[in-house]
mmCIF file of all heavy atoms, coordinates in Angstrom:
data_MODEL
# 
_entry.id   MODEL 
# 
loop_
_atom_site.group_PDB 
_atom_site.id 
_atom_site.type_symbol 
_atom_site.label_atom_id 
_atom_site.label_alt_id 
_atom_site.label_comp_id 
_atom_site.label_asym_id 
_atom_site.label_entity_id 
_atom_site.label_seq_id 
_atom_site.pdbx_PDB_ins_code 
_atom_site.Cartn_x 
_atom_site.Cartn_y 
_atom_site.Cartn_z 
_atom_site.occupancy 
_atom_site.B_iso_or_equiv 
_atom_site.pdbx_formal_charge 
_atom_site.auth_seq_id 
_atom_site.auth_comp_id 
_atom_site.auth_asym_id 
_atom_site.auth_atom_id 
_atom_site.pdbx_PDB_model_num 
ATOM 1   N N   . ASP A 1 1  ? -72.561 36.460 20.923 1.00 0.00 ? 1  ASP A N   1 
ATOM 2   C CA  . ASP A 1 1  ? -73.447 37.637 20.301 1.00 0.00 ? 1  ASP A CA  1 
ATOM 3   C C   . ASP A 1 1  ? -72.529 38.673 19.617 1.00 0.00 ? 1  ASP A C   1 
ATOM 4   O O   . ASP A 1 1  ? -73.082 39.554 18.990 1.00 0.00 ? 1  ASP A O   1 
ATOM 5   C CB  . ASP A 1 1  ? -74.245 38.229 21.288 1.00 0.00 ? 1  ASP A CB  1 
ATOM 6   C CG  . ASP A 1 1  ? -75.265 37.305 21.898 1.00 0.00 ? 1  ASP A CG  1 
ATOM 7   O OD1 . ASP A 1 1  ? -75.986 36.435 21.190 1.00 0.00 ? 1  ASP A OD1 1 
ATOM 8   O OD2 . ASP A 1 1  ? -75.368 37.129 23.199 1.00 0.00 ? 1  ASP A OD2 1 
ATOM 9   N N   . ASP A 1 2  ? -71.231 38.584 19.866 1.00 0.00 ? 2  ASP A N   1 
ATOM 10  C CA  . ASP A 1 2  ? -70.346 39.559 19.341 1.00 0.00 ? 2  ASP A CA  1 
ATOM 11  C C   . ASP A 1 2  ? -70.735 40.939 19.735 1.00 0.00 ? 2  ASP A C   1 
ATOM 12  O O   . ASP A 1 2  ? -71.050 41.837 18.910 1.00 0.00 ? 2  ASP A O   1 
ATOM 13  C CB  . ASP A 1 2  ? -70.157 39.529 17.915 1.00 0.00 ? 2  ASP A CB  1 
ATOM 14  C CG  . ASP A 1 2  ? -69.106 38.379 17.444 1.00 0.00 ? 2  ASP A CG  1 
ATOM 15  O OD1 . ASP A 1 2  ? -68.288 38.060 18.139 1.00 0.00 ? 2  ASP A OD1 1 
ATOM 16  O OD2 . ASP A 1 2  ? -69.420 37.929 16.274 1.00 0.00 ? 2  ASP A OD2 1 
ATOM 17  N N   . ALA A 1 3  ? -71.140 41.203 21.062 1.00 0.00 ? 3  ALA A N   1 
ATOM 18  C CA  . ALA A 1 3  ? -71.792 42.330 21.548 1.00 0.00 ? 3  ALA A CA  1 
ATOM 19  C C   . ALA A 1 3  ? -71.319 42.623 22.969 1.00 0.00 ? 3  ALA A C   1 
ATOM 20  O O   . ALA A 1 3  ? -70.922 41.628 23.722 1.00 0.00 ? 3  ALA A O   1 
ATOM 21  C CB  . ALA A 1 3  ? -73.260 42.171 21.413 1.00 0.00 ? 3  ALA A CB  1 
ATOM 22  N N   . TRP A 1 4  ? -71.283 43.867 23.371 1.00 0.00 ? 4  TRP A N   1 
ATOM 23  C CA  . TRP A 1 4  ? -71.173 44.181 24.789 1.00 0.00 ? 4  TRP A CA  1 
ATOM 24  C C   . TRP A 1 4  ? -72.651 43.910 25.456 1.00 0.00 ? 4  TRP A C   1 
ATOM 25  O O   . TRP A 1 4  ? -73.599 44.370 24.978 1.00 0.00 ? 4  TRP A O   1 
ATOM 26  C CB  . TRP A 1 4  ? -70.732 45.694 24.927 1.00 0.00 ? 4  TRP A CB  1 
ATOM 27  C CG  . TRP A 1 4  ? -69.191 45.753 24.573 1.00 0.00 ? 4  TRP A CG  1 
ATOM 28  C CD1 . TRP A 1 4  ? -68.644 46.169 23.386 1.00 0.00 ? 4  TRP A CD1 1 
ATOM 29  C CD2 . TRP A 1 4  ? -68.053 45.469 25.491 1.00 0.00 ? 4  TRP A CD2 1 
ATOM 30  N NE1 . TRP A 1 4  ? -67.362 46.109 23.518 1.00 0.00 ? 4  TRP A NE1 1 
ATOM 31  C CE2 . TRP A 1 4  ? -67.029 45.658 24.805 1.00 0.00 ? 4  TRP A CE2 1 
ATOM 32  C CE3 . TRP A 1 4  ? -67.976 44.949 26.909 1.00 0.00 ? 4  TRP A CE3 1 
ATOM 33  C CZ2 . TRP A 1 4  ? -65.678 45.459 25.235 1.00 0.00 ? 4  TRP A CZ2 1 
ATOM 34  C CZ3 . TRP A 1 4  ? -66.834 44.782 27.313 1.00 0.00 ? 4  TRP A CZ3 1 
ATOM 35  C CH2 . TRP A 1 4  ? -65.727 45.050 26.683 1.00 0.00 ? 4  TRP A CH2 1 
ATOM 36  N N   . ALA A 1 5  ? -72.502 43.405 26.717 1.00 0.00 ? 5  ALA A N   1 
ATOM 37  C CA  . ALA A 1 5  ? -73.754 43.223 27.390 1.00 0.00 ? 5  ALA A CA  1 
ATOM 38  C C   . ALA A 1 5  ? -73.520 44.148 28.572 1.00 0.00 ? 5  ALA A C   1 
ATOM 39  O O   . ALA A 1 5  ? -72.617 44.086 29.315 1.00 0.00 ? 5  ALA A O   1 
ATOM 40  C CB  . ALA A 1 5  ? -73.928 41.814 27.796 1.00 0.00 ? 5  ALA A CB  1 
ATOM 41  N N   . VAL A 1 6  ? -74.741 44.757 28.968 1.00 0.00 ? 6  VAL A N   1 
ATOM 42  C CA  . VAL A 1 6  ? -74.844 45.669 30.181 1.00 0.00 ? 6  VAL A CA  1 
ATOM 43  C C   . VAL A 1 6  ? -76.181 45.066 30.950 1.00 0.00 ? 6  VAL A C   1 
ATOM 44  O O   . VAL A 1 6  ? -77.140 45.158 30.398 1.00 0.00 ? 6  VAL A O   1 
ATOM 45  C CB  . VAL A 1 6  ? -75.104 47.114 29.869 1.00 0.00 ? 6  VAL A CB  1 
ATOM 46  C CG1 . VAL A 1 6  ? -75.179 47.858 31.057 1.00 0.00 ? 6  VAL A CG1 1 
ATOM 47  C CG2 . VAL A 1 6  ? -74.012 47.550 28.922 1.00 0.00 ? 6  VAL A CG2 1 
ATOM 48  N N   . GLU A 1 7  ? -75.841 44.559 32.086 1.00 0.00 ? 7  GLU A N   1 
ATOM 49  C CA  . GLU A 1 7  ? -76.837 43.922 32.946 1.00 0.00 ? 7  GLU A CA  1 
ATOM 50  C C   . GLU A 1 7  ? -77.279 44.658 34.121 1.00 0.00 ? 7  GLU A C   1 
ATOM 51  O O   . GLU A 1 7  ? -76.334 45.218 34.685 1.00 0.00 ? 7  GLU A O   1 
ATOM 52  C CB  . GLU A 1 7  ? -76.347 42.570 33.384 1.00 0.00 ? 7  GLU A CB  1 
ATOM 53  C CG  . GLU A 1 7  ? -75.941 41.593 32.253 1.00 0.00 ? 7  GLU A CG  1 
ATOM 54  C CD  . GLU A 1 7  ? -75.549 40.226 32.845 1.00 0.00 ? 7  GLU A CD  1 
ATOM 55  O OE1 . GLU A 1 7  ? -75.385 39.996 34.016 1.00 0.00 ? 7  GLU A OE1 1 
ATOM 56  O OE2 . GLU A 1 7  ? -75.300 39.271 31.974 1.00 0.00 ? 7  GLU A OE2 1 
ATOM 57  N N   . LEU A 1 8  ? -78.367 44.744 34.438 1.00 0.00 ? 8  LEU A N   1 
ATOM 58  C CA  . LEU A 1 8  ? -78.903 45.486 35.554 1.00 0.00 ? 8  LEU A CA  1 
ATOM 59  C C   . LEU A 1 8  ? -79.660 44.328 36.514 1.00 0.00 ? 8  LEU A C   1 
ATOM 60  O O   . LEU A 1 8  ? -80.509 43.618 35.974 1.00 0.00 ? 8  LEU A O   1 
ATOM 61  C CB  . LEU A 1 8  ? -79.964 46.546 35.289 1.00 0.00 ? 8  LEU A CB  1 
ATOM 62  C CG  . LEU A 1 8  ? -80.634 47.368 36.467 1.00 0.00 ? 8  LEU A CG  1 
ATOM 63  C CD1 . LEU A 1 8  ? -79.613 48.061 37.274 1.00 0.00 ? 8  LEU A CD1 1 
ATOM 64  C CD2 . LEU A 1 8  ? -81.685 48.218 35.962 1.00 0.00 ? 8  LEU A CD2 1 
ATOM 65  N N   . SER A 1 9  ? -79.258 44.303 37.835 1.00 0.00 ? 9  SER A N   1 
ATOM 66  C CA  . SER A 1 9  ? -79.887 43.433 38.598 1.00 0.00 ? 9  SER A CA  1 
ATOM 67  C C   . SER A 1 9  ? -80.119 44.038 39.987 1.00 0.00 ? 9  SER A C   1 
ATOM 68  O O   . SER A 1 9  ? -79.459 45.155 40.319 1.00 0.00 ? 9  SER A O   1 
ATOM 69  C CB  . SER A 1 9  ? -79.049 42.235 38.896 1.00 0.00 ? 9  SER A CB  1 
ATOM 70  O OG  . SER A 1 9  ? -77.740 42.560 39.441 1.00 0.00 ? 9  SER A OG  1 
ATOM 71  N N   . GLU A 1 10 ? -81.090 43.531 40.858 1.00 0.00 ? 10 GLU A N   1 
ATOM 72  C CA  . GLU A 1 10 ? -81.114 44.018 42.201 1.00 0.00 ? 10 GLU A CA  1 
ATOM 73  C C   . GLU A 1 10 ? -80.026 43.283 42.939 1.00 0.00 ? 10 GLU A C   1 
ATOM 74  O O   . GLU A 1 10 ? -79.899 42.070 42.768 1.00 0.00 ? 10 GLU A O   1 
ATOM 75  C CB  . GLU A 1 10 ? -82.571 43.627 42.733 1.00 0.00 ? 10 GLU A CB  1 
ATOM 76  C CG  . GLU A 1 10 ? -82.772 44.280 44.015 1.00 0.00 ? 10 GLU A CG  1 
ATOM 77  C CD  . GLU A 1 10 ? -84.169 44.342 44.466 1.00 0.00 ? 10 GLU A CD  1 
ATOM 78  O OE1 . GLU A 1 10 ? -84.976 43.800 43.757 1.00 0.00 ? 10 GLU A OE1 1 
ATOM 79  O OE2 . GLU A 1 10 ? -84.467 44.917 45.467 1.00 0.00 ? 10 GLU A OE2 1 
ATOM 80  N N   . ALA A 1 11 ? -79.223 44.073 43.664 1.00 0.00 ? 11 ALA A N   1 
ATOM 81  C CA  . ALA A 1 11 ? -78.132 43.418 44.493 1.00 0.00 ? 11 ALA A CA  1 
ATOM 82  C C   . ALA A 1 11 ? -78.688 42.850 45.700 1.00 0.00 ? 11 ALA A C   1 
ATOM 83  O O   . ALA A 1 11 ? -79.633 43.192 46.327 1.00 0.00 ? 11 ALA A O   1 
ATOM 84  C CB  . ALA A 1 11 ? -77.096 44.595 44.940 1.00 0.00 ? 11 ALA A CB  1 
ATOM 85  N N   . VAL A 1 12 ? -78.066 41.697 46.068 1.00 0.00 ? 12 VAL A N   1 
ATOM 86  C CA  . VAL A 1 12 ? -78.308 40.886 47.381 1.00 0.00 ? 12 VAL A CA  1 
ATOM 87  C C   . VAL A 1 12 ? -77.314 41.127 48.347 1.00 0.00 ? 12 VAL A C   1 
ATOM 88  O O   . VAL A 1 12 ? -76.141 41.353 48.159 1.00 0.00 ? 12 VAL A O   1 
ATOM 89  C CB  . VAL A 1 12 ? -78.582 39.382 46.984 1.00 0.00 ? 12 VAL A CB  1 
ATOM 90  C CG1 . VAL A 1 12 ? -79.679 39.185 45.936 1.00 0.00 ? 12 VAL A CG1 1 
ATOM 91  C CG2 . VAL A 1 12 ? -77.259 38.795 46.380 1.00 0.00 ? 12 VAL A CG2 1 
ATOM 92  N N   . PRO A 1 13 ? -77.667 40.933 49.604 1.00 0.00 ? 13 PRO A N   1 
ATOM 93  C CA  . PRO A 1 13 ? -76.662 41.176 50.692 1.00 0.00 ? 13 PRO A CA  1 
ATOM 94  C C   . PRO A 1 13 ? -75.501 40.018 50.596 1.00 0.00 ? 13 PRO A C   1 
ATOM 95  O O   . PRO A 1 13 ? -75.797 38.901 50.189 1.00 0.00 ? 13 PRO A O   1 
ATOM 96  C CB  . PRO A 1 13 ? -77.540 40.947 51.877 1.00 0.00 ? 13 PRO A CB  1 
ATOM 97  C CG  . PRO A 1 13 ? -78.939 41.207 51.571 1.00 0.00 ? 13 PRO A CG  1 
ATOM 98  C CD  . PRO A 1 13 ? -79.013 40.777 50.171 1.00 0.00 ? 13 PRO A CD  1 
ATOM 99  N N   . ALA A 1 14 ? -74.434 40.621 50.872 1.00 0.00 ? 14 ALA A N   1 
ATOM 100 C CA  . ALA A 1 14 ? -73.263 39.606 50.883 1.00 0.00 ? 14 ALA A CA  1 
ATOM 101 C C   . ALA A 1 14 ? -73.307 38.759 52.117 1.00 0.00 ? 14 ALA A C   1 
ATOM 102 O O   . ALA A 1 14 ? -74.034 38.991 53.037 1.00 0.00 ? 14 ALA A O   1 
ATOM 103 C CB  . ALA A 1 14 ? -71.909 40.428 50.877 1.00 0.00 ? 14 ALA A CB  1 
ATOM 104 N N   . PRO A 1 15 ? -72.609 37.551 52.055 1.00 0.00 ? 15 PRO A N   1 
ATOM 105 C CA  . PRO A 1 15 ? -72.691 36.626 53.232 1.00 0.00 ? 15 PRO A CA  1 
ATOM 106 C C   . PRO A 1 15 ? -72.257 37.446 54.517 1.00 0.00 ? 15 PRO A C   1 
ATOM 107 O O   . PRO A 1 15 ? -71.403 38.236 54.562 1.00 0.00 ? 15 PRO A O   1 
ATOM 108 C CB  . PRO A 1 15 ? -71.525 35.607 52.815 1.00 0.00 ? 15 PRO A CB  1 
ATOM 109 C CG  . PRO A 1 15 ? -71.531 35.697 51.398 1.00 0.00 ? 15 PRO A CG  1 
ATOM 110 C CD  . PRO A 1 15 ? -71.685 37.092 51.000 1.00 0.00 ? 15 PRO A CD  1 
ATOM 111 N N   . ALA A 1 16 ? -72.876 37.013 55.550 1.00 0.00 ? 16 ALA A N   1 
ATOM 112 C CA  . ALA A 1 16 ? -72.575 37.734 56.811 1.00 0.00 ? 16 ALA A CA  1 
ATOM 113 C C   . ALA A 1 16 ? -71.229 37.657 57.235 1.00 0.00 ? 16 ALA A C   1 
ATOM 114 O O   . ALA A 1 16 ? -70.706 38.469 57.900 1.00 0.00 ? 16 ALA A O   1 
ATOM 115 C CB  . ALA A 1 16 ? -73.401 37.143 57.882 1.00 0.00 ? 16 ALA A CB  1 
ATOM 116 N N   . ALA A 1 17 ? -70.586 36.494 56.859 1.00 0.00 ? 17 ALA A N   1 
ATOM 117 C CA  . ALA A 1 17 ? -69.126 36.334 57.308 1.00 0.00 ? 17 ALA A CA  1 
ATOM 118 C C   . ALA A 1 17 ? -68.123 37.412 56.694 1.00 0.00 ? 17 ALA A C   1 
ATOM 119 O O   . ALA A 1 17 ? -67.098 37.542 57.144 1.00 0.00 ? 17 ALA A O   1 
ATOM 120 C CB  . ALA A 1 17 ? -68.685 34.849 56.875 1.00 0.00 ? 17 ALA A CB  1 
ATOM 121 N N   . TRP A 1 18 ? -68.693 37.952 55.493 1.00 0.00 ? 18 TRP A N   1 
ATOM 122 C CA  . TRP A 1 18 ? -67.809 38.971 54.896 1.00 0.00 ? 18 TRP A CA  1 
ATOM 123 C C   . TRP A 1 18 ? -67.786 40.229 55.844 1.00 0.00 ? 18 TRP A C   1 
ATOM 124 O O   . TRP A 1 18 ? -66.914 41.104 55.599 1.00 0.00 ? 18 TRP A O   1 
ATOM 125 C CB  . TRP A 1 18 ? -68.356 39.379 53.546 1.00 0.00 ? 18 TRP A CB  1 
ATOM 126 C CG  . TRP A 1 18 ? -68.113 38.299 52.512 1.00 0.00 ? 18 TRP A CG  1 
ATOM 127 C CD1 . TRP A 1 18 ? -67.920 36.967 52.757 1.00 0.00 ? 18 TRP A CD1 1 
ATOM 128 C CD2 . TRP A 1 18 ? -68.226 38.557 51.232 1.00 0.00 ? 18 TRP A CD2 1 
ATOM 129 N NE1 . TRP A 1 18 ? -67.814 36.343 51.444 1.00 0.00 ? 18 TRP A NE1 1 
ATOM 130 C CE2 . TRP A 1 18 ? -68.041 37.186 50.581 1.00 0.00 ? 18 TRP A CE2 1 
ATOM 131 C CE3 . TRP A 1 18 ? -68.553 39.553 50.354 1.00 0.00 ? 18 TRP A CE3 1 
ATOM 132 C CZ2 . TRP A 1 18 ? -68.045 37.133 49.166 1.00 0.00 ? 18 TRP A CZ2 1 
ATOM 133 C CZ3 . TRP A 1 18 ? -68.469 39.458 48.981 1.00 0.00 ? 18 TRP A CZ3 1 
ATOM 134 C CH2 . TRP A 1 18 ? -68.188 38.186 48.386 1.00 0.00 ? 18 TRP A CH2 1 
ATOM 135 N N   . ALA A 1 19 ? -68.653 40.404 56.770 1.00 0.00 ? 19 ALA A N   1 
ATOM 136 C CA  . ALA A 1 19 ? -68.684 41.660 57.538 1.00 0.00 ? 19 ALA A CA  1 
ATOM 137 C C   . ALA A 1 19 ? -67.396 41.906 58.261 1.00 0.00 ? 19 ALA A C   1 
ATOM 138 O O   . ALA A 1 19 ? -66.997 43.119 58.639 1.00 0.00 ? 19 ALA A O   1 
ATOM 139 C CB  . ALA A 1 19 ? -69.826 41.668 58.580 1.00 0.00 ? 19 ALA A CB  1 
ATOM 140 N N   . GLU A 1 20 ? -66.614 40.832 58.581 1.00 0.00 ? 20 GLU A N   1 
ATOM 141 C CA  . GLU A 1 20 ? -65.371 40.983 59.315 1.00 0.00 ? 20 GLU A CA  1 
ATOM 142 C C   . GLU A 1 20 ? -64.151 41.219 58.416 1.00 0.00 ? 20 GLU A C   1 
ATOM 143 O O   . GLU A 1 20 ? -63.057 41.565 58.802 1.00 0.00 ? 20 GLU A O   1 
ATOM 144 C CB  . GLU A 1 20 ? -65.083 39.717 60.023 1.00 0.00 ? 20 GLU A CB  1 
ATOM 145 C CG  . GLU A 1 20 ? -66.189 39.284 61.031 1.00 0.00 ? 20 GLU A CG  1 
ATOM 146 C CD  . GLU A 1 20 ? -66.018 37.819 61.647 1.00 0.00 ? 20 GLU A CD  1 
ATOM 147 O OE1 . GLU A 1 20 ? -64.956 37.251 61.435 1.00 0.00 ? 20 GLU A OE1 1 
ATOM 148 O OE2 . GLU A 1 20 ? -67.012 37.370 62.247 1.00 0.00 ? 20 GLU A OE2 1 
ATOM 149 N N   . ILE A 1 21 ? -64.456 41.252 57.050 1.00 0.00 ? 21 ILE A N   1 
ATOM 150 C CA  . ILE A 1 21 ? -63.303 41.370 56.183 1.00 0.00 ? 21 ILE A CA  1 
ATOM 151 C C   . ILE A 1 21 ? -63.231 42.949 55.801 1.00 0.00 ? 21 ILE A C   1 
ATOM 152 O O   . ILE A 1 21 ? -64.234 43.530 55.424 1.00 0.00 ? 21 ILE A O   1 
ATOM 153 C CB  . ILE A 1 21 ? -63.584 40.628 54.771 1.00 0.00 ? 21 ILE A CB  1 
ATOM 154 C CG1 . ILE A 1 21 ? -63.617 39.098 55.097 1.00 0.00 ? 21 ILE A CG1 1 
ATOM 155 C CG2 . ILE A 1 21 ? -62.495 41.009 53.738 1.00 0.00 ? 21 ILE A CG2 1 
ATOM 156 C CD1 . ILE A 1 21 ? -64.018 38.306 54.006 1.00 0.00 ? 21 ILE A CD1 1 
ATOM 157 N N   . PRO A 1 22 ? -62.054 43.601 55.999 1.00 0.00 ? 22 PRO A N   1 
ATOM 158 C CA  . PRO A 1 22 ? -61.930 45.027 55.672 1.00 0.00 ? 22 PRO A CA  1 
ATOM 159 C C   . PRO A 1 22 ? -62.402 45.309 54.233 1.00 0.00 ? 22 PRO A C   1 
ATOM 160 O O   . PRO A 1 22 ? -61.826 44.537 53.394 1.00 0.00 ? 22 PRO A O   1 
ATOM 161 C CB  . PRO A 1 22 ? -60.514 45.391 56.002 1.00 0.00 ? 22 PRO A CB  1 
ATOM 162 C CG  . PRO A 1 22 ? -60.134 44.188 56.963 1.00 0.00 ? 22 PRO A CG  1 
ATOM 163 C CD  . PRO A 1 22 ? -60.867 43.065 56.537 1.00 0.00 ? 22 PRO A CD  1 
ATOM 164 N N   . ASN A 1 23 ? -63.088 46.356 53.932 1.00 0.00 ? 23 ASN A N   1 
ATOM 165 C CA  . ASN A 1 23 ? -63.385 46.835 52.608 1.00 0.00 ? 23 ASN A CA  1 
ATOM 166 C C   . ASN A 1 23 ? -64.201 45.794 51.798 1.00 0.00 ? 23 ASN A C   1 
ATOM 167 O O   . ASN A 1 23 ? -64.186 45.911 50.539 1.00 0.00 ? 23 ASN A O   1 
ATOM 168 C CB  . ASN A 1 23 ? -62.070 47.175 51.843 1.00 0.00 ? 23 ASN A CB  1 
ATOM 169 C CG  . ASN A 1 23 ? -61.370 48.294 52.473 1.00 0.00 ? 23 ASN A CG  1 
ATOM 170 O OD1 . ASN A 1 23 ? -61.921 49.249 53.123 1.00 0.00 ? 23 ASN A OD1 1 
ATOM 171 N ND2 . ASN A 1 23 ? -60.039 48.266 52.526 1.00 0.00 ? 23 ASN A ND2 1 
ATOM 172 N N   . ALA A 1 24 ? -64.791 44.805 52.406 1.00 0.00 ? 24 ALA A N   1 
ATOM 173 C CA  . ALA A 1 24 ? -65.575 43.867 51.645 1.00 0.00 ? 24 ALA A CA  1 
ATOM 174 C C   . ALA A 1 24 ? -66.853 44.468 51.207 1.00 0.00 ? 24 ALA A C   1 
ATOM 175 O O   . ALA A 1 24 ? -67.407 45.392 51.882 1.00 0.00 ? 24 ALA A O   1 
ATOM 176 C CB  . ALA A 1 24 ? -65.846 42.684 52.540 1.00 0.00 ? 24 ALA A CB  1 
# 
């Protein structure tokens, strides 16, 4: 499109396994 795209979405929870990763 030769354009900048700005997308808005509803965020979904990250995988539970990421809870153990610092700063995830």
